[in-house]
Amino acid sequence: MLIGDSSFEEVVLTLQNAQTTIRREINPTVYPLSEFREKVISGHHFLNTVMKGDKIFLIGDERELKRMVKKWMAN
């Protein structure tokens, strides 16, 4: 899952080399920050499951994600 200002097409193109290397298809889920925010606030099932589960962060960390979500929920 990628949260940010990249399009699905950009992410898929960027992942092509990784897919070749690991010999597996990668199916990313891409959320613009505003859509991610709206879905978290509304209790979206998939995102609730992700938020509760284990994650591997390539950029950022668990504290940053929780701080961001906590801020949104307070508003």
C-alpha atoms as a PDB file:
ATOM      1  CA  MET A   1       0.000   0.000   0.000  1.00  0.00           C
ATOM      2  CA  LEU A   2       1.253   3.422  -0.899  1.00  0.00           C
ATOM      3  CA  ILE A   3      -0.143   6.604   0.596  1.00  0.00           C
ATOM      4  CA  GLY A   4       0.846   9.730  -1.284  1.00  0.00           C
ATOM      5  CA  ASP A   5       0.744  11.747  -4.455  1.00  0.00           C
ATOM      6  CA  SER A   6       1.624   9.033  -6.961  1.00  0.00           C
ATOM      7  CA  SER A   7      -0.770   7.542  -9.458  1.00  0.00           C
ATOM      8  CA  PHE A   8      -1.443   3.819  -9.649  1.00  0.00           C
ATOM      9  CA  GLU A   9       0.232   3.758 -13.073  1.00  0.00           C
ATOM     10  CA  GLU A  10       3.401   5.407 -11.725  1.00  0.00           C
ATOM     11  CA  VAL A  11       3.613   2.902  -8.892  1.00  0.00           C
ATOM     12  CA  VAL A  12       3.093  -0.101 -11.183  1.00  0.00           C
ATOM     13  CA  LEU A  13       5.796   1.137 -13.571  1.00  0.00           C
ATOM     14  CA  THR A  14       8.176   1.706 -10.673  1.00  0.00           C
ATOM     15  CA  LEU A  15       7.570  -1.806  -9.341  1.00  0.00           C
ATOM     16  CA  GLN A  16       8.293  -3.589 -12.631  1.00  0.00           C
ATOM     17  CA  ASN A  17      11.978  -4.195 -11.859  1.00  0.00           C
ATOM     18  CA  ALA A  18      11.166  -5.486  -8.383  1.00  0.00           C
ATOM     19  CA  GLN A  19       8.585  -7.887  -9.836  1.00  0.00           C
ATOM     20  CA  THR A  20      11.169  -9.210 -12.274  1.00  0.00           C
ATOM     21  CA  THR A  21      13.718  -9.635  -9.497  1.00  0.00           C
ATOM     22  CA  ILE A  22      11.431 -11.481  -7.097  1.00  0.00           C
ATOM     23  CA  ARG A  23       9.557 -13.281  -9.904  1.00  0.00           C
ATOM     24  CA  ARG A  24       6.194 -12.383  -8.400  1.00  0.00           C
ATOM     25  CA  GLU A  25       3.472  -9.945  -9.269  1.00  0.00           C
ATOM     26  CA  ILE A  26       3.054  -7.018  -6.874  1.00  0.00           C
ATOM     27  CA  ASN A  27      -0.490  -5.652  -6.620  1.00  0.00           C
ATOM     28  CA  PRO A  28      -0.223  -2.249  -4.964  1.00  0.00           C
ATOM     29  CA  THR A  29      -3.052  -0.324  -3.385  1.00  0.00           C
ATOM     30  CA  VAL A  30      -2.515   3.408  -3.894  1.00  0.00           C
ATOM     31  CA  TYR A  31      -4.299   6.091  -1.874  1.00  0.00           C
ATOM     32  CA  PRO A  32      -3.900   9.844  -2.279  1.00  0.00           C
ATOM     33  CA  LEU A  33      -3.497  11.299   1.222  1.00  0.00           C
ATOM     34  CA  SER A  34      -6.964  12.901   1.159  1.00  0.00           C
ATOM     35  CA  GLU A  35      -8.673   9.612   0.191  1.00  0.00           C
ATOM     36  CA  PHE A  36      -6.710   7.680   2.825  1.00  0.00           C
ATOM     37  CA  ARG A  37      -7.744  10.236   5.434  1.00  0.00           C
ATOM     38  CA  GLU A  38     -11.431  10.042   4.492  1.00  0.00           C
ATOM     39  CA  LYS A  39     -11.445   6.249   4.518  1.00  0.00           C
ATOM     40  CA  VAL A  40      -9.684   5.991   7.885  1.00  0.00           C
ATOM     41  CA  ILE A  41     -12.099   8.475   9.451  1.00  0.00           C
ATOM     42  CA  SER A  42     -15.104   6.618   8.026  1.00  0.00           C
ATOM     43  CA  GLY A  43     -13.864   3.271   9.392  1.00  0.00           C
ATOM     44  CA  HIS A  44     -13.078   1.594   6.051  1.00  0.00           C
ATOM     45  CA  HIS A  45     -12.762  -2.165   6.719  1.00  0.00           C
ATOM     46  CA  PHE A  46      -9.572  -2.789   4.681  1.00  0.00           C
ATOM     47  CA  LEU A  47      -7.753   0.167   6.216  1.00  0.00           C
ATOM     48  CA  ASN A  48      -8.871  -0.751   9.737  1.00  0.00           C
ATOM     49  CA  THR A  49      -7.411  -4.210   9.172  1.00  0.00           C
ATOM     50  CA  VAL A  50      -4.161  -2.733   7.853  1.00  0.00           C
ATOM     51  CA  MET A  51      -3.904  -0.274  10.741  1.00  0.00           C
ATOM     52  CA  LYS A  52      -4.262  -3.116  13.273  1.00  0.00           C
ATOM     53  CA  GLY A  53      -1.845  -5.491  11.546  1.00  0.00           C
ATOM     54  CA  ASP A  54       1.904  -5.705  11.118  1.00  0.00           C
ATOM     55  CA  LYS A  55       3.429  -3.342   8.591  1.00  0.00           C
ATOM     56  CA  ILE A  56       6.782  -2.856   6.904  1.00  0.00           C
ATOM     57  CA  PHE A  57       7.507   0.818   6.329  1.00  0.00           C
ATOM     58  CA  LEU A  58       9.748   1.874   3.465  1.00  0.00           C
ATOM     59  CA  ILE A  59       9.315   5.554   4.307  1.00  0.00           C
ATOM     60  CA  GLY A  60       7.990   6.816   7.618  1.00  0.00           C
ATOM     61  CA  ASP A  61       7.178   4.677  10.621  1.00  0.00           C
ATOM     62  CA  GLU A  62       4.365   3.419  12.836  1.00  0.00           C
ATOM     63  CA  ARG A  63       4.553   6.447  15.134  1.00  0.00           C
ATOM     64  CA  GLU A  64       4.185   8.863  12.230  1.00  0.00           C
ATOM     65  CA  LEU A  65       1.182   6.964  10.849  1.00  0.00           C
ATOM     66  CA  LYS A  66      -0.536   6.770  14.241  1.00  0.00           C
ATOM     67  CA  ARG A  67       0.155  10.446  14.956  1.00  0.00           C
ATOM     68  CA  MET A  68      -1.336  11.430  11.599  1.00  0.00           C
ATOM     69  CA  VAL A  69      -4.471   9.304  12.084  1.00  0.00           C
ATOM     70  CA  LYS A  70      -4.927  10.462  15.682  1.00  0.00           C
ATOM     71  CA  LYS A  71      -4.788  14.088  14.488  1.00  0.00           C
ATOM     72  CA  TRP A  72      -7.472  13.426  11.848  1.00  0.00           C
ATOM     73  CA  MET A  73      -9.745  11.641  14.297  1.00  0.00           C
ATOM     74  CA  ALA A  74      -9.535  14.608  16.696  1.00  0.00           C
ATOM     75  CA  ASN A  75     -10.721  17.060  14.017  1.00  0.00           C
END
